Amino acid sequence: MWTRKELKQRGKAAFNFNYWKTVLVSLIVAVMLGGMSAGGAAAGGGTGAAPGLTMKYAGESGEEEIGEEIPDFEEDIPELAEGLGQGEEDIPELPEEFQQFAQEGPQIISVAVVLITMAVVFVVVAVIAFLISAFLLNPLEVGTKRFFVQNLHMPAEVKEIAFGYDHCYKNIVKTMFFRDLYTFLWSLLFIIPGIIKSYEYRMIPYLLSDHPEMTKEEAFARSKEMMRGQKWRAFVLDLSFILWELLSLLTLGILDIFYVGPYRHMTKAALYEALEYGNRQEESVVWTES
């Protein structure tokens, strides 16, 4: 049975023995994988108000412009009333609602156009972010997990982060897509179920980094089995880094780049190995501080 102290000691030792490469890969994780969660800010809201309603009519004195006001048909077109056999006094006035709409209608339409445009931009940005995440970032995540797991035993090479693109790419994309989809759907149920499921699916990218040919069903079942009874302990393990995170904020993230991030990633990799292989350290090379 693993303990937090053992995992953190092991992660720290492996990180220190391959310091700069681990820092580089952790920075890639922070920039590429963490940065996409912010999405793209929606571009451009509408500019300027809509022009007012301008009407032209031909009266006895020639063509005139009438800003936003509706012309008085009783005064300007008496011939029309007489031609219809009606007196000027019989011509009904335009309803007040119509006059109000004539004045405010263009502004309402402009607001509607702006809202529709913003919605379209949001959908387009969301689709682009989804495609980038599914086809580019998820395989990259699998590759970074492979780097961290290998780094527990030997100085791993940065090229390992491309593993997901060269090995069973389609299967990795599909499996990771369903991981994200299921997590999102569970998160719609007041967030907490989504957090629980994220811990249940936590080992999927690690499993794919070791077994890229593993089917979606196998990956989900294996991760669920590995995390059974371990979700709370893994959550507490994550919380044990909270003071480090606060110190990182005080250094504007510099401490996270050069120490906390790599330390945290290596500890999580040690957790995967402890759950997957029963912490069989005697069968592998383990970094020890001299």
C-alpha atoms as a PDB file:
ATOM      1  CA  MET A   1       0.000   0.000   0.000  1.00  0.00           C
ATOM      2  CA  TRP A   2       1.402   3.338  -1.034  1.00  0.00           C
ATOM      3  CA  THR A   3       1.841   6.375   1.176  1.00  0.00           C
ATOM      4  CA  ARG A   4       2.054  10.049   0.261  1.00  0.00           C
ATOM      5  CA  LYS A   5       5.514  10.329   1.737  1.00  0.00           C
ATOM      6  CA  GLU A   6       6.890   7.470  -0.360  1.00  0.00           C
ATOM      7  CA  LEU A   7       5.384   8.776  -3.605  1.00  0.00           C
ATOM      8  CA  LYS A   8       6.593  12.313  -3.047  1.00  0.00           C
ATOM      9  CA  GLN A   9      10.087  11.187  -2.122  1.00  0.00           C
ATOM     10  CA  ARG A  10      10.268   9.062  -5.223  1.00  0.00           C
ATOM     11  CA  GLY A  11       8.911  11.784  -7.468  1.00  0.00           C
ATOM     12  CA  LYS A  12      11.304  14.383  -6.075  1.00  0.00           C
ATOM     13  CA  ALA A  13      14.319  12.102  -6.476  1.00  0.00           C
ATOM     14  CA  ALA A  14      13.496  11.280 -10.112  1.00  0.00           C
ATOM     15  CA  PHE A  15      12.844  14.935 -10.877  1.00  0.00           C
ATOM     16  CA  ASN A  16      16.166  16.063  -9.415  1.00  0.00           C
ATOM     17  CA  PHE A  17      18.174  13.489 -11.380  1.00  0.00           C
ATOM     18  CA  ASN A  18      16.763  14.660 -14.724  1.00  0.00           C
ATOM     19  CA  TYR A  19      16.076  18.227 -13.753  1.00  0.00           C
ATOM     20  CA  TRP A  20      16.091  20.350 -16.915  1.00  0.00           C
ATOM     21  CA  LYS A  21      14.261  17.915 -19.169  1.00  0.00           C
ATOM     22  CA  THR A  22      11.581  17.405 -16.545  1.00  0.00           C
ATOM     23  CA  VAL A  23      11.214  21.174 -16.176  1.00  0.00           C
ATOM     24  CA  LEU A  24      10.877  21.530 -19.954  1.00  0.00           C
ATOM     25  CA  VAL A  25       8.176  18.860 -20.267  1.00  0.00           C
ATOM     26  CA  SER A  26       6.293  20.290 -17.280  1.00  0.00           C
ATOM     27  CA  LEU A  27       6.397  23.710 -18.926  1.00  0.00           C
ATOM     28  CA  ILE A  28       4.971  22.198 -22.116  1.00  0.00           C
ATOM     29  CA  VAL A  29       2.159  20.688 -20.065  1.00  0.00           C
ATOM     30  CA  ALA A  30       1.433  24.045 -18.402  1.00  0.00           C
ATOM     31  CA  VAL A  31       1.453  26.035 -21.650  1.00  0.00           C
ATOM     32  CA  MET A  32      -0.142  23.600 -24.094  1.00  0.00           C
ATOM     33  CA  LEU A  33      -2.504  21.559 -21.949  1.00  0.00           C
ATOM     34  CA  GLY A  34      -3.277  24.101 -19.238  1.00  0.00           C
ATOM     35  CA  GLY A  35      -3.509  27.086 -21.567  1.00  0.00           C
ATOM     36  CA  MET A  36      -6.259  25.619 -23.717  1.00  0.00           C
ATOM     37  CA  SER A  37      -8.641  25.476 -20.786  1.00  0.00           C
ATOM     38  CA  ALA A  38      -8.823  29.258 -20.852  1.00  0.00           C
ATOM     39  CA  GLY A  39     -10.133  29.041 -24.405  1.00  0.00           C
ATOM     40  CA  GLY A  40     -10.092  32.128 -26.582  1.00  0.00           C
ATOM     41  CA  ALA A  41     -11.799  35.273 -25.495  1.00  0.00           C
ATOM     42  CA  ALA A  42     -14.677  36.013 -27.805  1.00  0.00           C
ATOM     43  CA  ALA A  43     -13.566  38.513 -30.404  1.00  0.00           C
ATOM     44  CA  GLY A  44     -15.106  41.771 -31.136  1.00  0.00           C
ATOM     45  CA  GLY A  45     -18.521  42.795 -29.766  1.00  0.00           C
ATOM     46  CA  GLY A  46     -20.585  45.011 -32.020  1.00  0.00           C
ATOM     47  CA  THR A  47     -19.391  48.545 -32.614  1.00  0.00           C
ATOM     48  CA  GLY A  48     -21.480  51.663 -32.820  1.00  0.00           C
ATOM     49  CA  ALA A  49     -25.193  52.149 -32.559  1.00  0.00           C
ATOM     50  CA  ALA A  50     -27.458  51.608 -35.531  1.00  0.00           C
ATOM     51  CA  PRO A  51     -28.296  54.686 -37.549  1.00  0.00           C
ATOM     52  CA  GLY A  52     -31.644  56.264 -36.849  1.00  0.00           C
ATOM     53  CA  LEU A  53     -34.565  55.753 -39.185  1.00  0.00           C
ATOM     54  CA  THR A  54     -34.432  58.312 -41.980  1.00  0.00           C
ATOM     55  CA  MET A  55     -37.346  58.782 -44.342  1.00  0.00           C
ATOM     56  CA  LYS A  56     -37.823  60.944 -47.365  1.00  0.00           C
ATOM     57  CA  TYR A  57     -41.032  62.151 -48.927  1.00  0.00           C
ATOM     58  CA  ALA A  58     -41.985  64.557 -51.611  1.00  0.00           C
ATOM     59  CA  GLY A  59     -44.163  67.435 -50.539  1.00  0.00           C
ATOM     60  CA  GLU A  60     -45.125  70.623 -52.263  1.00  0.00           C
ATOM     61  CA  SER A  61     -41.803  72.189 -51.370  1.00  0.00           C
ATOM     62  CA  GLY A  62     -39.736  69.340 -52.766  1.00  0.00           C
ATOM     63  CA  GLU A  63     -37.895  66.427 -51.175  1.00  0.00           C
ATOM     64  CA  GLU A  64     -37.227  66.682 -47.447  1.00  0.00           C
ATOM     65  CA  GLU A  65     -35.591  64.444 -44.806  1.00  0.00           C
ATOM     66  CA  ILE A  66     -37.459  63.570 -41.622  1.00  0.00           C
ATOM     67  CA  GLY A  67     -35.038  62.027 -39.071  1.00  0.00           C
ATOM     68  CA  GLU A  68     -36.818  59.471 -36.940  1.00  0.00           C
ATOM     69  CA  GLU A  69     -40.309  60.932 -37.064  1.00  0.00           C
ATOM     70  CA  ILE A  70     -43.137  59.491 -39.139  1.00  0.00           C
ATOM     71  CA  PRO A  71     -44.649  62.046 -41.538  1.00  0.00           C
ATOM     72  CA  ASP A  72     -48.166  63.302 -40.797  1.00  0.00           C
ATOM     73  CA  PHE A  73     -50.140  61.716 -43.584  1.00  0.00           C
ATOM     74  CA  GLU A  74     -53.191  63.951 -42.953  1.00  0.00           C
ATOM     75  CA  GLU A  75     -51.245  67.102 -43.793  1.00  0.00           C
ATOM     76  CA  ASP A  76     -48.869  65.854 -46.469  1.00  0.00           C
ATOM     77  CA  ILE A  77     -51.058  63.591 -48.539  1.00  0.00           C
ATOM     78  CA  PRO A  78     -54.568  65.071 -48.514  1.00  0.00           C
ATOM     79  CA  GLU A  79     -55.018  64.131 -52.168  1.00  0.00           C
ATOM     80  CA  LEU A  80     -54.826  60.467 -51.269  1.00  0.00           C
ATOM     81  CA  ALA A  81     -57.586  60.810 -48.692  1.00  0.00           C
ATOM     82  CA  GLU A  82     -59.802  62.697 -51.074  1.00  0.00           C
ATOM     83  CA  GLY A  83     -59.181  60.143 -53.805  1.00  0.00           C
ATOM     84  CA  LEU A  84     -60.438  57.440 -51.479  1.00  0.00           C
ATOM     85  CA  GLY A  85     -63.568  59.441 -50.776  1.00  0.00           C
ATOM     86  CA  GLN A  86     -62.609  60.169 -47.177  1.00  0.00           C
ATOM     87  CA  GLY A  87     -62.225  63.461 -45.439  1.00  0.00           C
ATOM     88  CA  GLU A  88     -59.027  64.451 -43.751  1.00  0.00           C
ATOM     89  CA  GLU A  89     -60.713  64.066 -40.397  1.00  0.00           C
ATOM     90  CA  ASP A  90     -61.537  60.400 -41.144  1.00  0.00           C
ATOM     91  CA  ILE A  91     -57.935  59.250 -41.663  1.00  0.00           C
ATOM     92  CA  PRO A  92     -56.920  57.178 -38.603  1.00  0.00           C
ATOM     93  CA  GLU A  93     -53.797  58.072 -36.710  1.00  0.00           C
ATOM     94  CA  LEU A  94     -50.954  55.540 -36.643  1.00  0.00           C
ATOM     95  CA  PRO A  95     -51.001  53.402 -33.487  1.00  0.00           C
ATOM     96  CA  GLU A  96     -48.663  54.594 -30.760  1.00  0.00           C
ATOM     97  CA  GLU A  97     -46.995  51.154 -30.600  1.00  0.00           C
ATOM     98  CA  PHE A  98     -46.122  51.360 -34.288  1.00  0.00           C
ATOM     99  CA  GLN A  99     -44.587  54.790 -33.883  1.00  0.00           C
ATOM    100  CA  GLN A 100     -42.536  53.551 -30.924  1.00  0.00           C
ATOM    101  CA  PHE A 101     -41.336  50.531 -32.895  1.00  0.00           C
ATOM    102  CA  ALA A 102     -40.415  52.749 -35.835  1.00  0.00           C
ATOM    103  CA  GLN A 103     -38.189  54.724 -33.494  1.00  0.00           C
ATOM    104  CA  GLU A 104     -36.693  51.862 -31.471  1.00  0.00           C
ATOM    105  CA  GLY A 105     -36.800  49.050 -34.030  1.00  0.00           C
ATOM    106  CA  PRO A 106     -33.377  49.687 -35.609  1.00  0.00           C
ATOM    107  CA  GLN A 107     -31.677  49.650 -32.196  1.00  0.00           C
ATOM    108  CA  ILE A 108     -33.419  46.390 -31.255  1.00  0.00           C
ATOM    109  CA  ILE A 109     -32.397  44.801 -34.542  1.00  0.00           C
ATOM    110  CA  SER A 110     -28.798  45.978 -34.062  1.00  0.00           C
ATOM    111  CA  VAL A 111     -28.642  44.399 -30.584  1.00  0.00           C
ATOM    112  CA  ALA A 112     -30.068  41.144 -31.957  1.00  0.00           C
ATOM    113  CA  VAL A 113     -27.472  41.086 -34.738  1.00  0.00           C
ATOM    114  CA  VAL A 114     -24.666  41.660 -32.220  1.00  0.00           C
ATOM    115  CA  LEU A 115     -25.917  38.850 -29.951  1.00  0.00           C
ATOM    116  CA  ILE A 116     -26.261  36.427 -32.856  1.00  0.00           C
ATOM    117  CA  THR A 117     -22.776  37.328 -34.091  1.00  0.00           C
ATOM    118  CA  MET A 118     -21.290  36.763 -30.632  1.00  0.00           C
ATOM    119  CA  ALA A 119     -23.063  33.401 -30.372  1.00  0.00           C
ATOM    120  CA  VAL A 120     -21.711  32.327 -33.766  1.00  0.00           C
ATOM    121  CA  VAL A 121     -18.185  33.426 -32.799  1.00  0.00           C
ATOM    122  CA  PHE A 122     -18.452  31.514 -29.511  1.00  0.00           C
ATOM    123  CA  VAL A 123     -19.575  28.336 -31.297  1.00  0.00           C
ATOM    124  CA  VAL A 124     -16.783  28.612 -33.876  1.00  0.00           C
ATOM    125  CA  VAL A 125     -14.145  29.166 -31.165  1.00  0.00           C
ATOM    126  CA  ALA A 126     -15.531  26.227 -29.148  1.00  0.00           C
ATOM    127  CA  VAL A 127     -15.411  23.927 -32.172  1.00  0.00           C
ATOM    128  CA  ILE A 128     -11.845  24.952 -32.992  1.00  0.00           C
ATOM    129  CA  ALA A 129     -10.780  24.459 -29.358  1.00  0.00           C
ATOM    130  CA  PHE A 130     -12.416  21.029 -29.333  1.00  0.00           C
ATOM    131  CA  LEU A 131     -10.609  19.946 -32.514  1.00  0.00           C
ATOM    132  CA  ILE A 132      -7.262  21.167 -31.199  1.00  0.00           C
ATOM    133  CA  SER A 133      -7.826  19.394 -27.891  1.00  0.00           C
ATOM    134  CA  ALA A 134      -8.993  16.110 -29.428  1.00  0.00           C
ATOM    135  CA  PHE A 135      -6.447  15.762 -32.223  1.00  0.00           C
ATOM    136  CA  LEU A 136      -3.409  17.630 -30.902  1.00  0.00           C
ATOM    137  CA  LEU A 137      -3.411  18.095 -27.134  1.00  0.00           C
ATOM    138  CA  ASN A 138      -4.804  14.758 -25.943  1.00  0.00           C
ATOM    139  CA  PRO A 139      -2.125  12.690 -27.724  1.00  0.00           C
ATOM    140  CA  LEU A 140       0.412  15.169 -26.337  1.00  0.00           C
ATOM    141  CA  GLU A 141      -0.939  14.526 -22.837  1.00  0.00           C
ATOM    142  CA  VAL A 142      -0.419  10.787 -23.319  1.00  0.00           C
ATOM    143  CA  GLY A 143       3.160  11.446 -24.431  1.00  0.00           C
ATOM    144  CA  THR A 144       3.942  13.593 -21.400  1.00  0.00           C
ATOM    145  CA  LYS A 145       2.604  10.879 -19.094  1.00  0.00           C
ATOM    146  CA  ARG A 146       4.938   8.415 -20.785  1.00  0.00           C
ATOM    147  CA  PHE A 147       7.867  10.762 -20.189  1.00  0.00           C
ATOM    148  CA  PHE A 148       7.096  11.109 -16.471  1.00  0.00           C
ATOM    149  CA  VAL A 149       6.599   7.372 -15.942  1.00  0.00           C
ATOM    150  CA  GLN A 150       9.830   6.493 -17.754  1.00  0.00           C
ATOM    151  CA  ASN A 151      11.646   9.200 -15.822  1.00  0.00           C
ATOM    152  CA  LEU A 152      11.001   7.245 -12.633  1.00  0.00           C
ATOM    153  CA  HIS A 153      13.586   4.685 -13.767  1.00  0.00           C
ATOM    154  CA  MET A 154      15.947   6.402 -16.204  1.00  0.00           C
ATOM    155  CA  PRO A 155      16.628   9.853 -17.642  1.00  0.00           C
ATOM    156  CA  ALA A 156      13.712  10.056 -20.072  1.00  0.00           C
ATOM    157  CA  GLU A 157      14.059  11.893 -23.381  1.00  0.00           C
ATOM    158  CA  VAL A 158      11.885  14.850 -24.331  1.00  0.00           C
ATOM    159  CA  LYS A 159      11.013  13.107 -27.626  1.00  0.00           C
ATOM    160  CA  GLU A 160       8.758  10.757 -25.651  1.00  0.00           C
ATOM    161  CA  ILE A 161       6.074  13.457 -25.605  1.00  0.00           C
ATOM    162  CA  ALA A 162       5.432  12.667 -29.307  1.00  0.00           C
ATOM    163  CA  PHE A 163       4.631   9.032 -28.466  1.00  0.00           C
ATOM    164  CA  GLY A 164       0.883   9.520 -28.844  1.00  0.00           C
ATOM    165  CA  TYR A 165       1.245  10.699 -32.448  1.00  0.00           C
ATOM    166  CA  ASP A 166       3.332   7.695 -33.546  1.00  0.00           C
ATOM    167  CA  HIS A 167       1.545   4.840 -31.778  1.00  0.00           C
ATOM    168  CA  CYS A 168      -2.141   3.969 -32.290  1.00  0.00           C
ATOM    169  CA  TYR A 169      -3.003   7.625 -32.826  1.00  0.00           C
ATOM    170  CA  LYS A 170      -6.650   7.044 -33.772  1.00  0.00           C
ATOM    171  CA  ASN A 171      -7.260   4.809 -30.774  1.00  0.00           C
ATOM    172  CA  ILE A 172      -5.685   7.357 -28.419  1.00  0.00           C
ATOM    173  CA  VAL A 173      -7.747  10.193 -29.900  1.00  0.00           C
ATOM    174  CA  LYS A 174     -10.974   8.200 -29.562  1.00  0.00           C
ATOM    175  CA  THR A 175     -10.350   7.014 -26.009  1.00  0.00           C
ATOM    176  CA  MET A 176      -9.260  10.417 -24.731  1.00  0.00           C
ATOM    177  CA  PHE A 177     -12.197  12.073 -26.482  1.00  0.00           C
ATOM    178  CA  PHE A 178     -14.652   9.871 -24.587  1.00  0.00           C
ATOM    179  CA  ARG A 179     -12.790  10.537 -21.348  1.00  0.00           C
ATOM    180  CA  ASP A 180     -13.312  14.277 -21.836  1.00  0.00           C
ATOM    181  CA  LEU A 181     -16.907  13.829 -22.977  1.00  0.00           C
ATOM    182  CA  TYR A 182     -17.932  11.654 -20.034  1.00  0.00           C
ATOM    183  CA  THR A 183     -16.197  13.966 -17.565  1.00  0.00           C
ATOM    184  CA  PHE A 184     -17.996  16.959 -19.046  1.00  0.00           C
ATOM    185  CA  LEU A 185     -21.395  15.270 -18.952  1.00  0.00           C
ATOM    186  CA  TRP A 186     -20.910  14.190 -15.341  1.00  0.00           C
ATOM    187  CA  SER A 187     -19.822  17.734 -14.478  1.00  0.00           C
ATOM    188  CA  LEU A 188     -23.230  19.005 -15.547  1.00  0.00           C
ATOM    189  CA  LEU A 189     -24.636  17.318 -12.436  1.00  0.00           C
ATOM    190  CA  PHE A 190     -23.573  20.063  -9.996  1.00  0.00           C
ATOM    191  CA  ILE A 191     -19.801  19.679 -10.608  1.00  0.00           C
ATOM    192  CA  ILE A 192     -19.093  17.155  -7.807  1.00  0.00           C
ATOM    193  CA  PRO A 193     -19.877  14.038  -9.910  1.00  0.00           C
ATOM    194  CA  GLY A 194     -17.551  15.402 -12.585  1.00  0.00           C
ATOM    195  CA  ILE A 195     -14.713  15.722 -10.064  1.00  0.00           C
ATOM    196  CA  ILE A 196     -15.297  12.168  -8.852  1.00  0.00           C
ATOM    197  CA  LYS A 197     -15.303  10.833 -12.414  1.00  0.00           C
ATOM    198  CA  SER A 198     -12.154  12.783 -13.272  1.00  0.00           C
ATOM    199  CA  TYR A 199     -10.366  10.823 -10.540  1.00  0.00           C
ATOM    200  CA  GLU A 200     -11.932   7.586 -11.742  1.00  0.00           C
ATOM    201  CA  TYR A 201     -10.618   8.253 -15.278  1.00  0.00           C
ATOM    202  CA  ARG A 202      -7.290   9.617 -14.048  1.00  0.00           C
ATOM    203  CA  MET A 203      -5.197   6.631 -15.103  1.00  0.00           C
ATOM    204  CA  ILE A 204      -6.456   6.478 -18.698  1.00  0.00           C
ATOM    205  CA  PRO A 205      -3.656   8.587 -20.279  1.00  0.00           C
ATOM    206  CA  TYR A 206      -1.047   6.684 -18.234  1.00  0.00           C
ATOM    207  CA  LEU A 207      -2.467   3.344 -19.394  1.00  0.00           C
ATOM    208  CA  LEU A 208      -2.434   4.507 -23.015  1.00  0.00           C
ATOM    209  CA  SER A 209       1.154   5.662 -22.643  1.00  0.00           C
ATOM    210  CA  ASP A 210       2.073   2.098 -21.648  1.00  0.00           C
ATOM    211  CA  HIS A 211      -0.455   0.271 -23.839  1.00  0.00           C
ATOM    212  CA  PRO A 212      -1.527   2.503 -26.762  1.00  0.00           C
ATOM    213  CA  GLU A 213      -3.380  -0.410 -28.347  1.00  0.00           C
ATOM    214  CA  MET A 214      -5.705  -0.747 -25.328  1.00  0.00           C
ATOM    215  CA  THR A 215      -9.331  -0.314 -26.369  1.00  0.00           C
ATOM    216  CA  LYS A 216     -11.583   2.355 -24.955  1.00  0.00           C
ATOM    217  CA  GLU A 217     -13.552  -0.191 -22.944  1.00  0.00           C
ATOM    218  CA  GLU A 218     -10.407  -1.758 -21.521  1.00  0.00           C
ATOM    219  CA  ALA A 219      -8.873   1.605 -20.610  1.00  0.00           C
ATOM    220  CA  PHE A 220     -11.984   2.805 -18.788  1.00  0.00           C
ATOM    221  CA  ALA A 221     -12.472  -0.508 -16.973  1.00  0.00           C
ATOM    222  CA  ARG A 222      -8.819  -0.720 -15.937  1.00  0.00           C
ATOM    223  CA  SER A 223      -8.679   2.881 -14.703  1.00  0.00           C
ATOM    224  CA  LYS A 224     -11.888   2.387 -12.742  1.00  0.00           C
ATOM    225  CA  GLU A 225     -10.459  -0.753 -11.148  1.00  0.00           C
ATOM    226  CA  MET A 226      -7.176   0.939 -10.267  1.00  0.00           C
ATOM    227  CA  MET A 227      -8.910   3.928  -8.656  1.00  0.00           C
ATOM    228  CA  ARG A 228     -11.464   1.916  -6.709  1.00  0.00           C
ATOM    229  CA  GLY A 229     -10.956   2.930  -3.082  1.00  0.00           C
ATOM    230  CA  GLN A 230      -8.136   5.285  -4.099  1.00  0.00           C
ATOM    231  CA  LYS A 231      -9.975   8.412  -5.254  1.00  0.00           C
ATOM    232  CA  TRP A 232     -10.080  10.096  -1.845  1.00  0.00           C
ATOM    233  CA  ARG A 233      -6.444   9.244  -1.129  1.00  0.00           C
ATOM    234  CA  ALA A 234      -5.425  10.621  -4.531  1.00  0.00           C
ATOM    235  CA  PHE A 235      -7.410  13.783  -3.778  1.00  0.00           C
ATOM    236  CA  VAL A 236      -5.575  14.207  -0.470  1.00  0.00           C
ATOM    237  CA  LEU A 237      -2.288  13.638  -2.306  1.00  0.00           C
ATOM    238  CA  ASP A 238      -3.169  16.527  -4.615  1.00  0.00           C
ATOM    239  CA  LEU A 239      -4.103  18.708  -1.632  1.00  0.00           C
ATOM    240  CA  SER A 240      -0.678  18.092  -0.094  1.00  0.00           C
ATOM    241  CA  PHE A 241       0.758  20.417  -2.774  1.00  0.00           C
ATOM    242  CA  ILE A 242      -1.497  23.335  -1.870  1.00  0.00           C
ATOM    243  CA  LEU A 243       1.133  25.209   0.159  1.00  0.00           C
ATOM    244  CA  TRP A 244       3.571  24.844  -2.731  1.00  0.00           C
ATOM    245  CA  GLU A 245       0.888  26.252  -5.031  1.00  0.00           C
ATOM    246  CA  LEU A 246       0.419  29.271  -2.767  1.00  0.00           C
ATOM    247  CA  LEU A 247       4.160  29.900  -2.748  1.00  0.00           C
ATOM    248  CA  SER A 248       4.127  29.664  -6.541  1.00  0.00           C
ATOM    249  CA  LEU A 249       1.518  32.414  -6.675  1.00  0.00           C
ATOM    250  CA  LEU A 250       3.773  34.643  -4.590  1.00  0.00           C
ATOM    251  CA  THR A 251       6.569  34.136  -7.145  1.00  0.00           C
ATOM    252  CA  LEU A 252       4.219  34.810 -10.093  1.00  0.00           C
ATOM    253  CA  GLY A 253       4.426  31.163 -11.162  1.00  0.00           C
ATOM    254  CA  ILE A 254       8.230  30.994 -11.374  1.00  0.00           C
ATOM    255  CA  LEU A 255       8.466  28.469  -8.541  1.00  0.00           C
ATOM    256  CA  ASP A 256       5.816  26.328 -10.253  1.00  0.00           C
ATOM    257  CA  ILE A 257       7.835  26.208 -13.473  1.00  0.00           C
ATOM    258  CA  PHE A 258      11.162  25.295 -11.906  1.00  0.00           C
ATOM    259  CA  TYR A 259      10.081  23.140  -8.979  1.00  0.00           C
ATOM    260  CA  VAL A 260       6.450  22.602  -8.012  1.00  0.00           C
ATOM    261  CA  GLY A 261       5.108  21.558 -11.430  1.00  0.00           C
ATOM    262  CA  PRO A 262       7.772  18.913 -12.177  1.00  0.00           C
ATOM    263  CA  TYR A 263       7.610  17.669  -8.581  1.00  0.00           C
ATOM    264  CA  ARG A 264       3.822  17.282  -8.794  1.00  0.00           C
ATOM    265  CA  HIS A 265       3.878  15.517 -12.179  1.00  0.00           C
ATOM    266  CA  MET A 266       6.528  13.049 -11.060  1.00  0.00           C
ATOM    267  CA  THR A 267       4.575  12.266  -7.888  1.00  0.00           C
ATOM    268  CA  LYS A 268       1.444  11.534  -9.947  1.00  0.00           C
ATOM    269  CA  ALA A 269       3.473   9.228 -12.174  1.00  0.00           C
ATOM    270  CA  ALA A 270       4.707   7.422  -9.068  1.00  0.00           C
ATOM    271  CA  LEU A 271       1.075   6.962  -8.006  1.00  0.00           C
ATOM    272  CA  TYR A 272       0.251   5.364 -11.366  1.00  0.00           C
ATOM    273  CA  GLU A 273       3.137   2.955 -11.071  1.00  0.00           C
ATOM    274  CA  ALA A 274       2.234   2.065  -7.493  1.00  0.00           C
ATOM    275  CA  LEU A 275      -1.337   1.227  -8.538  1.00  0.00           C
ATOM    276  CA  GLU A 276      -0.474  -0.507 -11.794  1.00  0.00           C
ATOM    277  CA  TYR A 277       2.524  -2.566 -10.702  1.00  0.00           C
ATOM    278  CA  GLY A 278       1.970  -2.849  -6.972  1.00  0.00           C
ATOM    279  CA  ASN A 279       4.953  -0.617  -6.215  1.00  0.00           C
ATOM    280  CA  ARG A 280       7.338  -3.374  -7.350  1.00  0.00           C
ATOM    281  CA  GLN A 281      10.382  -1.204  -6.971  1.00  0.00           C
ATOM    282  CA  GLU A 282      12.682  -4.189  -6.604  1.00  0.00           C
ATOM    283  CA  GLU A 283      12.182  -5.056 -10.260  1.00  0.00           C
ATOM    284  CA  SER A 284      13.240  -1.681 -11.600  1.00  0.00           C
ATOM    285  CA  VAL A 285      15.896   0.929 -11.238  1.00  0.00           C
ATOM    286  CA  VAL A 286      14.806   3.558  -8.745  1.00  0.00           C
ATOM    287  CA  TRP A 287      16.556   6.912  -8.324  1.00  0.00           C
ATOM    288  CA  THR A 288      18.191   7.394  -4.936  1.00  0.00           C
ATOM    289  CA  GLU A 289      19.842  10.529  -3.736  1.00  0.00           C
ATOM    290  CA  SER A 290      23.553  10.139  -3.094  1.00  0.00           C
END
